[in-house]
Amino acid sequence: MRLDTRVRAALAVNITLALIASFLATRVARALQMPEISAWAMAGLVVIPIALWTTHRIVRRVSALMQGLDDGLRGFRDADFSMRLAAVEGDETLEIKSLYNEVADLLRAQRADVYQKELLLDTILQRTPVAVLLVNAADRVVYSNVAARELFTGGARVDGGHYSSLVAQLTEPMRDALAGGGDGIVVIPPSTKNEQEETFHISQRTFRLNTLEHRLILVERLTAELRRQEVEVWKKAIRVINHEINNTIAPISSLFHSARLAQQRDRREQLEEIYGSIDERLAFLRTFLESYAQFARLPEPRKQLTRWDEILADVRTLYDFRVEGDARAEVFVDRAQMQQVLINLVKNAHESGSDPGAIKVSLQRNIVRVSDAGRGMREDVLRQALVPFYSTKPGGTGVGLALSNEIIEAHGGRMRLEARLGGGTIVTCWLPAPG
């Protein structure tokens, strides 16, 4: 019999006994001419013990069940699903105990499944070359993989430490990139002549875990991949150059043959037309090769103290943009080369589809930042944005960003690309302080 049925039955029995006792007491009192209160006292002596016995029995069973459920639910709270309640056939609490045991079995199976998935995920993360850090709202590192420990501490323990203290030990470019809170590319210059510069892709995401805010930081070393891509791009560039030279030489050869024939026949008008076509083809080839030659012959910057407004004046004649910060501040740069950098960056901002009013050049002493609200760069494009001759634009040469990065590095500075929250791209250039 179910527990609720048992309680209702006991309650019905007590009420029935009370009614019968009341009826008998009234009849006896009338027959014996006893006071009515004495009759009610006799009825109470019969009914009360029975009611107390049935109530005690019910309370004892309910208390035992509640104690078992209390212990079991406390175990659930502590993620212990091993406790089971004894469910005896014929027991009024059999159904609720069986239901509890089924829930405990289900939760235990689910926990075992989650544990296996976590173990598999941890194995994958520990073997991935991407550095992975998980930081909680208290600025504590709650998870790190092997790549993260190697990158940030040379293999020493990271979990449990303060993330801010960990970041403070990094080089300035990496520290600034992580402080930005978004995705980006950061280039770490070599600390000695025997070292090579390192390029990293940083991705940061914020989410809630157990209702608490956490931050996931992924840092991927792109140096080797970029080297491989650069080799492939240079091969492609050589093929393109060869193709364009052949496409120019073949028509010029044909035009020279036509010129000889025209000269023999004294056709001066035709000669002028032929010479014009030859000059046009040569001008195209010269312009085409010039874009590729800039990398090979980038001169040493001739630095001098120059005000930002003097650099921006020529850029503004080509493109519209807003300026924030003190444009009268001086910076120690090659004026022509810095103009080329800003022309490339502002030009890219316009070609991104951004509203011209949203294109902004921000100045802060020796830092210049160009931001737009355009389409932005996909993650795969952002990874390769600094590779020479890589371009996703129709007819693009892929020279602008790579050349700008070369100029900034030639000045002893560094450049960082990152995605702008809400859409668009931010390019930040750090330059050495004057003096």
Protein backbone atom coordinates (compact mmCIF):
# COMPACT_ATOMS: atom_id res chain seq x y z
CA MET A 1 0.00 0.00 0.00
CA ARG A 2 1.33 3.47 -0.87
CA LEU A 3 2.27 5.84 1.94
CA ASP A 4 -0.33 8.47 1.08
CA THR A 5 -3.04 5.76 0.92
CA ARG A 6 -1.89 4.49 4.29
CA VAL A 7 -2.16 7.96 5.85
CA ARG A 8 -5.65 8.49 4.44
CA ALA A 9 -6.75 5.06 5.70
CA ALA A 10 -5.43 5.75 9.20
CA LEU A 11 -7.16 9.11 9.24
CA ALA A 12 -10.43 7.50 8.12
CA VAL A 13 -10.10 4.83 10.87
CA ASN A 14 -9.52 7.47 13.56
CA ILE A 15 -12.51 9.50 12.43
CA THR A 16 -14.71 6.39 12.27
CA LEU A 17 -13.60 5.28 15.76
CA ALA A 18 -14.33 8.75 17.11
CA LEU A 19 -17.84 8.70 15.64
CA ILE A 20 -18.57 5.18 16.95
CA ALA A 21 -17.20 6.05 20.40
CA SER A 22 -19.29 9.21 20.51
CA PHE A 23 -22.42 7.27 19.56
CA LEU A 24 -21.78 4.51 22.14
CA ALA A 25 -20.95 7.03 24.84
CA THR A 26 -24.22 8.82 24.25
CA ARG A 27 -26.23 5.56 24.37
CA VAL A 28 -24.49 4.31 27.54
CA ALA A 29 -24.96 7.64 29.29
CA ARG A 30 -28.67 7.60 28.57
CA ALA A 31 -29.06 3.93 29.66
CA LEU A 32 -27.16 4.33 32.93
CA GLN A 33 -28.29 7.87 33.51
CA MET A 34 -24.63 8.93 33.73
CA PRO A 35 -23.41 12.45 33.16
CA GLU A 36 -22.67 13.01 29.48
CA ILE A 37 -19.13 14.17 30.23
CA SER A 38 -18.35 10.79 31.81
CA ALA A 39 -19.54 9.09 28.64
CA TRP A 40 -17.24 11.26 26.54
CA ALA A 41 -14.35 10.45 28.88
CA MET A 42 -14.97 6.72 28.34
CA ALA A 43 -15.00 7.25 24.58
CA GLY A 44 -11.71 9.17 24.79
CA LEU A 45 -10.06 6.32 26.76
CA VAL A 46 -10.91 4.00 23.87
CA VAL A 47 -10.19 6.28 20.90
CA ILE A 48 -7.04 8.15 22.04
CA PRO A 49 -4.74 5.10 22.47
CA ILE A 50 -5.78 3.75 19.09
CA ALA A 51 -5.22 7.15 17.45
CA LEU A 52 -1.84 7.57 19.15
CA TRP A 53 -0.71 4.09 18.05
CA THR A 54 -1.69 4.62 14.41
CA THR A 55 -0.18 8.12 14.38
CA HIS A 56 3.08 6.87 15.89
CA ARG A 57 3.28 4.13 13.27
CA ILE A 58 2.76 6.59 10.43
CA VAL A 59 5.19 9.18 11.85
CA ARG A 60 7.88 6.52 12.35
CA ARG A 61 7.64 5.37 8.75
CA VAL A 62 7.56 8.92 7.40
CA SER A 63 10.52 9.93 9.61
CA ALA A 64 12.57 6.96 8.42
CA LEU A 65 11.79 7.78 4.83
CA MET A 66 12.57 11.48 5.29
CA GLN A 67 15.86 10.69 7.03
CA GLY A 68 16.85 8.43 4.15
CA LEU A 69 15.88 11.02 1.57
CA ASP A 70 17.72 13.73 3.51
CA ASP A 71 20.93 11.67 3.56
CA GLY A 72 20.56 10.80 -0.11
CA LEU A 73 19.93 14.40 -1.22
CA ARG A 74 22.91 15.60 0.81
CA GLY A 75 24.94 13.01 -1.07
CA PHE A 76 23.58 14.39 -4.38
CA ARG A 77 24.68 17.86 -3.30
CA ASP A 78 28.20 16.53 -2.67
CA ALA A 79 28.17 14.62 -6.01
CA ASP A 80 27.93 11.26 -4.17
CA PHE A 81 25.39 9.06 -5.92
CA SER A 82 26.34 5.77 -4.23
CA MET A 83 23.68 5.76 -1.46
CA ARG A 84 20.61 3.55 -1.98
CA LEU A 85 17.39 3.24 0.04
CA ALA A 86 16.20 -0.25 1.05
CA ALA A 87 12.99 -0.88 -0.85
CA VAL A 88 11.15 -3.90 0.65
CA GLU A 89 8.18 -5.43 -1.12
CA GLY A 90 4.96 -4.57 0.70
CA ASP A 91 6.47 -1.47 2.29
CA GLU A 92 4.25 1.61 1.98
CA THR A 93 7.34 3.65 0.96
CA LEU A 94 8.42 1.19 -1.75
CA GLU A 95 7.44 3.41 -4.68
CA ILE A 96 9.16 6.58 -3.51
CA LYS A 97 12.30 4.66 -2.47
CA SER A 98 12.45 2.93 -5.85
CA LEU A 99 12.06 6.27 -7.60
CA TYR A 100 14.93 7.72 -5.56
CA ASN A 101 17.15 4.73 -6.42
CA GLU A 102 16.36 5.11 -10.14
CA VAL A 103 17.34 8.81 -10.04
CA ALA A 104 20.57 7.96 -8.20
CA ASP A 105 21.46 5.30 -10.80
CA LEU A 106 20.78 7.74 -13.63
CA LEU A 107 22.88 10.52 -12.08
CA ARG A 108 25.71 8.12 -11.37
CA ALA A 109 25.73 6.91 -14.98
CA GLN A 110 25.63 10.49 -16.27
CA ARG A 111 28.52 11.50 -14.01
CA ALA A 112 30.60 8.55 -15.23
CA ASP A 113 29.84 9.54 -18.84
CA VAL A 114 30.78 13.19 -18.18
CA TYR A 115 34.00 12.08 -16.46
CA GLN A 116 35.01 10.00 -19.49
CA LYS A 117 34.29 12.91 -21.82
CA GLU A 118 36.29 15.29 -19.60
CA LEU A 119 39.16 12.80 -19.57
CA LEU A 120 39.09 12.57 -23.37
CA LEU A 121 38.92 16.37 -23.72
CA ASP A 122 41.79 16.86 -21.27
CA THR A 123 43.91 14.35 -23.18
CA ILE A 124 43.28 16.22 -26.42
CA LEU A 125 43.97 19.63 -24.85
CA GLN A 126 47.17 18.46 -23.18
CA ARG A 127 48.53 17.29 -26.53
CA THR A 128 47.46 20.26 -28.64
CA PRO A 129 50.20 22.76 -29.57
CA VAL A 130 47.83 25.66 -28.81
CA ALA A 131 48.34 27.13 -25.33
CA VAL A 132 45.07 26.96 -23.36
CA LEU A 133 44.33 28.88 -20.15
CA LEU A 134 41.05 29.08 -18.22
CA VAL A 135 40.78 31.94 -15.72
CA ASN A 136 37.95 32.41 -13.21
CA ALA A 137 36.35 35.60 -11.91
CA ALA A 138 38.84 35.72 -9.02
CA ASP A 139 41.74 36.05 -11.49
CA ARG A 140 42.91 32.50 -10.74
CA VAL A 141 44.09 30.08 -13.42
CA VAL A 142 41.86 27.01 -13.03
CA TYR A 143 43.16 25.07 -16.04
CA SER A 144 46.25 25.02 -18.24
CA ASN A 145 47.69 22.56 -20.74
CA VAL A 146 51.29 21.58 -21.42
CA ALA A 147 51.69 24.14 -24.22
CA ALA A 148 50.50 26.96 -21.91
CA ARG A 149 52.92 25.98 -19.15
CA GLU A 150 55.80 25.78 -21.63
CA LEU A 151 54.94 29.14 -23.19
CA PHE A 152 54.26 31.14 -20.03
CA THR A 153 56.47 29.59 -17.35
CA GLY A 154 58.87 27.24 -19.12
CA GLY A 155 56.97 24.19 -17.85
CA ALA A 156 56.40 25.27 -14.23
CA ARG A 157 53.02 24.92 -12.52
CA VAL A 158 50.39 27.49 -13.51
CA ASP A 159 47.08 26.24 -12.08
CA GLY A 160 45.97 28.07 -8.95
CA GLY A 161 48.18 31.11 -9.56
CA HIS A 162 47.07 34.66 -10.29
CA TYR A 163 46.62 35.30 -13.99
CA SER A 164 47.66 38.95 -13.65
CA SER A 165 50.97 37.91 -12.03
CA LEU A 166 51.54 35.42 -14.83
CA VAL A 167 50.92 38.03 -17.54
CA ALA A 168 53.16 40.57 -15.79
CA GLN A 169 56.16 38.30 -16.42
CA LEU A 170 55.62 38.22 -20.21
CA THR A 171 57.20 40.44 -22.83
CA GLU A 172 55.49 43.78 -23.43
CA PRO A 173 53.95 42.88 -26.84
CA MET A 174 52.37 39.69 -25.46
CA ARG A 175 51.27 41.48 -22.29
CA ASP A 176 49.55 44.25 -24.25
CA ALA A 177 47.86 41.77 -26.59
CA LEU A 178 46.43 39.72 -23.70
CA ALA A 179 45.28 42.89 -21.95
CA GLY A 180 43.26 43.82 -25.04
CA GLY A 181 40.75 41.08 -24.29
CA GLY A 182 40.05 40.21 -27.94
CA ASP A 183 41.49 38.31 -30.87
CA GLY A 184 44.67 39.49 -32.53
CA ILE A 185 48.08 38.83 -34.02
CA VAL A 186 51.17 39.76 -32.02
CA VAL A 187 54.77 39.74 -33.22
CA ILE A 188 57.50 39.27 -30.61
CA PRO A 189 60.82 40.77 -31.78
CA PRO A 190 63.99 38.71 -31.18
CA SER A 191 65.85 39.44 -27.95
CA THR A 192 69.23 38.46 -29.45
CA LYS A 193 70.76 38.43 -32.92
CA ASN A 194 70.65 34.63 -33.05
CA GLU A 195 66.91 34.48 -32.42
CA GLN A 196 64.06 34.95 -34.84
CA GLU A 197 60.91 36.95 -34.31
CA GLU A 198 57.91 34.97 -33.11
CA THR A 199 54.34 35.45 -34.29
CA PHE A 200 51.33 34.40 -32.21
CA HIS A 201 47.58 34.36 -32.75
CA ILE A 202 45.59 35.19 -29.60
CA SER A 203 41.92 34.35 -29.12
CA GLN A 204 39.97 35.23 -25.96
CA ARG A 205 36.39 34.36 -25.05
CA THR A 206 34.26 35.02 -21.94
CA PHE A 207 31.57 32.59 -20.80
CA ARG A 208 29.82 31.38 -17.65
CA LEU A 209 30.70 28.11 -15.95
CA ASN A 210 28.49 27.10 -13.01
CA THR A 211 26.98 30.63 -13.16
CA LEU A 212 30.45 32.17 -12.64
CA GLU A 213 32.23 34.19 -15.33
CA HIS A 214 35.36 32.58 -16.81
CA ARG A 215 37.77 33.65 -19.53
CA LEU A 216 39.29 31.24 -22.04
CA ILE A 217 42.63 32.30 -23.57
CA LEU A 218 44.08 30.49 -26.60
CA VAL A 219 47.58 31.38 -27.83
CA GLU A 220 48.81 29.72 -31.00
CA ARG A 221 52.39 29.98 -32.24
CA LEU A 222 52.25 30.81 -35.94
CA THR A 223 55.96 31.27 -36.64
CA ALA A 224 56.60 27.91 -38.32
CA GLU A 225 53.30 28.00 -40.21
CA LEU A 226 53.96 31.53 -41.42
CA ARG A 227 57.44 30.54 -42.58
CA ARG A 228 55.93 27.71 -44.61
CA GLN A 229 53.24 30.02 -46.00
CA GLU A 230 55.83 32.65 -46.88
CA VAL A 231 57.79 30.09 -48.91
CA GLU A 232 54.61 29.08 -50.71
CA VAL A 233 53.69 32.70 -51.29
CA TRP A 234 57.13 33.53 -52.67
CA LYS A 235 56.85 30.59 -55.05
CA LYS A 236 53.46 31.88 -56.14
CA ALA A 237 54.88 35.41 -56.48
CA ILE A 238 57.67 34.13 -58.73
CA ARG A 239 55.12 32.32 -60.90
CA VAL A 240 52.97 35.45 -61.10
CA ILE A 241 55.97 37.65 -61.97
CA ASN A 242 57.08 35.18 -64.62
CA HIS A 243 53.56 35.07 -66.04
CA GLU A 244 53.20 38.86 -66.16
CA ILE A 245 56.66 39.35 -67.72
CA ASN A 246 55.87 36.78 -70.43
CA ASN A 247 52.47 38.39 -71.00
CA THR A 248 54.23 41.73 -71.51
CA ILE A 249 57.23 40.55 -73.54
CA ALA A 250 55.19 38.55 -76.05
CA PRO A 251 53.03 41.55 -77.17
CA ILE A 252 56.09 43.84 -77.18
CA SER A 253 57.95 41.38 -79.43
CA SER A 254 54.98 41.30 -81.78
CA LEU A 255 54.71 45.09 -81.69
CA PHE A 256 58.41 45.49 -82.58
CA HIS A 257 57.88 43.24 -85.59
CA SER A 258 54.92 45.40 -86.63
CA ALA A 259 57.04 48.51 -86.10
CA ARG A 260 59.72 47.24 -88.49
CA LEU A 261 57.10 46.61 -91.14
CA ALA A 262 55.56 50.05 -90.62
CA GLN A 263 58.98 51.69 -90.81
CA GLN A 264 59.79 49.91 -94.07
CA ARG A 265 56.50 51.17 -95.49
CA ASP A 266 56.99 54.65 -94.01
CA ARG A 267 53.75 54.58 -92.00
CA ARG A 268 54.53 57.13 -89.28
CA GLU A 269 51.01 57.24 -87.81
CA GLN A 270 51.02 53.48 -87.29
CA LEU A 271 54.50 53.72 -85.74
CA GLU A 272 53.28 56.26 -83.17
CA GLU A 273 50.39 53.96 -82.25
CA ILE A 274 52.72 50.96 -81.90
CA TYR A 275 55.23 52.92 -79.78
CA GLY A 276 52.35 54.09 -77.55
CA SER A 277 51.22 50.49 -77.00
CA ILE A 278 54.80 49.42 -76.18
CA ASP A 279 55.16 52.28 -73.69
CA GLU A 280 51.82 51.34 -72.06
CA ARG A 281 52.86 47.71 -71.63
CA LEU A 282 56.24 48.71 -70.21
CA ALA A 283 54.59 51.15 -67.77
CA PHE A 284 52.27 48.39 -66.56
CA LEU A 285 55.20 46.01 -66.08
CA ARG A 286 57.20 48.68 -64.23
CA THR A 287 54.30 49.40 -61.86
CA PHE A 288 53.69 45.70 -61.30
CA LEU A 289 57.33 44.94 -60.48
CA GLU A 290 57.64 48.03 -58.30
CA SER A 291 55.13 46.67 -55.78
CA TYR A 292 57.18 43.48 -55.41
CA ALA A 293 60.52 45.29 -55.31
CA GLN A 294 59.61 47.40 -52.28
CA PHE A 295 60.47 44.55 -49.90
CA ALA A 296 63.90 43.98 -51.40
CA ARG A 297 64.98 47.62 -51.32
CA LEU A 298 63.26 49.12 -48.29
CA PRO A 299 65.80 51.77 -47.22
CA GLU A 300 66.88 52.37 -43.64
CA PRO A 301 64.51 54.91 -42.09
CA ARG A 302 65.92 58.41 -41.83
CA LYS A 303 64.40 59.34 -38.50
CA GLN A 304 63.77 62.85 -37.32
CA LEU A 305 61.37 64.51 -34.92
CA THR A 306 58.13 65.00 -36.83
CA ARG A 307 54.69 66.11 -35.67
CA TRP A 308 51.81 63.73 -36.29
CA ASP A 309 49.73 66.43 -38.01
CA GLU A 310 52.51 66.87 -40.60
CA ILE A 311 52.45 63.14 -41.36
CA LEU A 312 48.64 63.00 -41.50
CA ALA A 313 48.27 66.06 -43.72
CA ASP A 314 49.27 64.22 -46.90
CA VAL A 315 47.24 61.14 -45.93
CA ARG A 316 44.12 63.27 -45.49
CA THR A 317 44.37 64.49 -49.09
CA LEU A 318 43.77 60.88 -50.19
CA TYR A 319 41.26 59.51 -47.65
CA ASP A 320 38.78 60.78 -45.05
CA PHE A 321 39.18 59.79 -41.41
CA ARG A 322 38.78 61.14 -37.88
CA VAL A 323 41.72 61.95 -35.60
CA GLU A 324 41.72 61.46 -31.84
CA GLY A 325 44.55 62.54 -29.55
CA ASP A 326 47.21 65.22 -29.73
CA ALA A 327 48.22 65.56 -33.39
CA ARG A 328 50.85 68.13 -32.45
CA ALA A 329 52.88 65.57 -30.52
CA GLU A 330 56.26 64.71 -31.99
CA VAL A 331 57.48 61.24 -32.93
CA PHE A 332 60.94 60.11 -34.05
CA VAL A 333 60.26 58.53 -37.48
CA ASP A 334 60.98 58.64 -41.18
CA ARG A 335 58.17 60.94 -42.33
CA ALA A 336 57.78 59.42 -45.82
CA GLN A 337 57.77 55.84 -44.55
CA MET A 338 55.24 56.59 -41.78
CA GLN A 339 53.02 58.29 -44.34
CA GLN A 340 53.19 55.11 -46.41
CA VAL A 341 52.16 53.06 -43.36
CA LEU A 342 49.17 55.26 -42.61
CA ILE A 343 48.15 55.42 -46.27
CA ASN A 344 48.12 51.61 -46.39
CA LEU A 345 46.17 51.25 -43.13
CA VAL A 346 43.57 53.93 -43.89
CA LYS A 347 43.20 52.62 -47.45
CA ASN A 348 42.49 49.13 -46.08
CA ALA A 349 39.94 50.61 -43.66
CA HIS A 350 38.08 52.28 -46.56
CA GLU A 351 38.19 49.08 -48.63
CA SER A 352 36.74 47.08 -45.71
CA GLY A 353 33.32 48.66 -46.36
CA SER A 354 33.45 50.81 -43.25
CA ASP A 355 31.55 54.09 -43.05
CA PRO A 356 34.23 56.80 -43.53
CA GLY A 357 32.97 58.48 -40.37
CA ALA A 358 33.82 55.35 -38.38
CA ILE A 359 37.44 55.25 -39.58
CA LYS A 360 39.57 56.64 -36.79
CA VAL A 361 43.28 57.36 -36.32
CA SER A 362 44.03 57.52 -32.58
CA LEU A 363 47.29 59.10 -31.39
CA GLN A 364 48.90 58.57 -28.01
CA ARG A 365 52.48 59.84 -27.86
CA ASN A 366 54.43 57.11 -29.71
CA ILE A 367 51.39 54.89 -30.38
CA VAL A 368 49.14 55.18 -33.43
CA ARG A 369 46.00 53.11 -33.83
CA VAL A 370 43.81 52.84 -36.95
CA SER A 371 40.33 51.35 -36.45
CA ASP A 372 37.30 50.85 -38.67
CA ALA A 373 33.80 49.38 -38.49
CA GLY A 374 33.95 47.36 -41.68
CA ARG A 375 33.55 43.66 -42.40
CA GLY A 376 36.56 42.76 -40.28
CA MET A 377 38.82 39.76 -40.87
CA ARG A 378 37.91 36.14 -40.45
CA GLU A 379 40.15 34.21 -38.08
CA ASP A 380 41.92 32.38 -40.94
CA VAL A 381 42.53 35.69 -42.75
CA LEU A 382 43.80 37.37 -39.57
CA ARG A 383 46.38 34.59 -39.17
CA GLN A 384 47.89 35.29 -42.59
CA ALA A 385 47.36 39.04 -42.80
CA LEU A 386 51.09 39.84 -42.40
CA VAL A 387 52.27 37.26 -44.95
CA PRO A 388 53.68 39.11 -47.99
CA PHE A 389 51.48 38.98 -51.13
CA TYR A 390 48.58 37.32 -49.26
CA SER A 391 45.31 39.03 -50.16
CA THR A 392 41.61 38.18 -50.22
CA LYS A 393 40.68 41.26 -52.26
CA PRO A 394 40.16 40.92 -56.02
CA GLY A 395 43.22 42.36 -57.69
CA GLY A 396 44.95 42.87 -54.33
CA THR A 397 48.73 42.52 -54.20
CA GLY A 398 48.95 41.61 -50.51
CA VAL A 399 51.74 44.17 -50.09
CA GLY A 400 50.20 46.90 -47.90
CA LEU A 401 50.03 45.30 -44.45
CA ALA A 402 53.25 43.31 -44.86
CA LEU A 403 55.16 46.41 -46.02
CA SER A 404 53.69 48.47 -43.17
CA ASN A 405 54.85 45.85 -40.67
CA GLU A 406 58.33 45.87 -42.22
CA ILE A 407 58.52 49.68 -41.88
CA ILE A 408 57.36 49.64 -38.25
CA GLU A 409 59.88 46.93 -37.36
CA ALA A 410 62.62 48.86 -39.18
CA HIS A 411 61.84 51.76 -36.81
CA GLY A 412 62.33 49.42 -33.84
CA GLY A 413 58.59 49.20 -33.20
CA ARG A 414 55.92 46.56 -33.53
CA MET A 415 52.46 46.14 -35.02
CA ARG A 416 49.40 44.26 -33.79
CA LEU A 417 46.19 43.34 -35.60
CA GLU A 418 43.02 42.51 -33.71
CA ALA A 419 39.32 42.14 -34.30
CA ARG A 420 37.20 45.07 -33.15
CA LEU A 421 34.26 44.33 -30.86
CA GLY A 422 31.11 44.97 -32.83
CA GLY A 423 32.82 44.42 -36.19
CA GLY A 424 35.84 45.83 -37.92
CA THR A 425 39.60 45.75 -37.39
CA ILE A 426 42.08 47.58 -35.18
CA VAL A 427 45.74 47.96 -36.18
CA THR A 428 48.03 49.29 -33.44
CA CYS A 429 51.62 50.45 -34.04
CA TRP A 430 54.06 51.06 -31.21
CA LEU A 431 57.11 53.21 -31.98
CA PRO A 432 60.15 53.95 -29.82
CA ALA A 433 59.75 57.08 -27.71
CA PRO A 434 61.70 60.15 -28.91
CA GLY A 435 65.15 60.48 -27.32
